[in-house]
Amino acid sequence: MLLSILLLKAGASNYFGKFTGYLFYNSMTYQSNDQPIKWIDLLAEGDFTIIDAFIDSSSVHFFNQLLDELLKEDELKKAGVGTLGDFAIKEQIRGDYIHWLNAGENALFDSFFSQMDELIQLIRRYCFLSISDFECHFAYYPAGAGYQKHLDQFNGRSNRVISAVLYLNENWKKGDGGELVIHQNEKTIIEPIAGRLVLFKSAEVWHEVAQTCVPRRSITGWMLNNPVGLGFLN
């Protein structure tokens, strides 16, 4: 079941730290009031939305323990840009390390994938989007790393529909860096606070990861219009 979430309508030139917005108590309330329509408006009209406390602090901590173990075992791979024959590691563009997650690996992953599936069902129902699958990975940015302005879509492919970033940065504070910068008519800067989920339209929202001063942690994923793997056929 979805945890309490706070959703904000996108605005011009905002810095999201403390804010107010629409409060959804859990997914069961969606069936009995008009909150789903308001929520869809946030994503549809503003192209992105913020969901606070999507997972609780205990889940954030457990995810970080898993990530720490992967880092210790050197299981993360340097991320690149492009796909298939166009793939290349360009550290001046993108400085993170990744590890793909799969349902069935442990109970925490299963719970997270179930939560995301519930969210996908709502988006599919109210946005009339053809979402067939979801994929995600840990993303770890060492201090000094970032990701230049880009779209979450490969050239010649259109499989990614909605991007999702779930932040795992415990005790993040201003000055730590690693904010998500969304480029619309004006820039919007989103703090990478632990438990916060940001959703945005993959093919429309130009964005970047600001250089981080401390290691930046997240789970980054995409809601897909084809099952994982079939997007390469587009």
Foldseek 3Di string as FASTA:
>chain_A
DWAWWFKDADDFPAEDDDDHHDIDHDPVVVVPDCVLVVRVCSCVVRQKMKIALRDPLVLLVVVVVVVVVCVVVVVWAFAFDADDPPTDRDQVAFAKTKDWDDPPPDPSSVVVVVSVVSVVVSCCVPVVDQFDEKIKIKIKHAAQGKHDKDFQAHPPFDFFFKKKKAWSDPPDDPPQFFWKWWDDVHIYTYDRYHSMMMMGGRHPIIIMTTRGRHMTIIMIMGGTNDYPPCRVVD
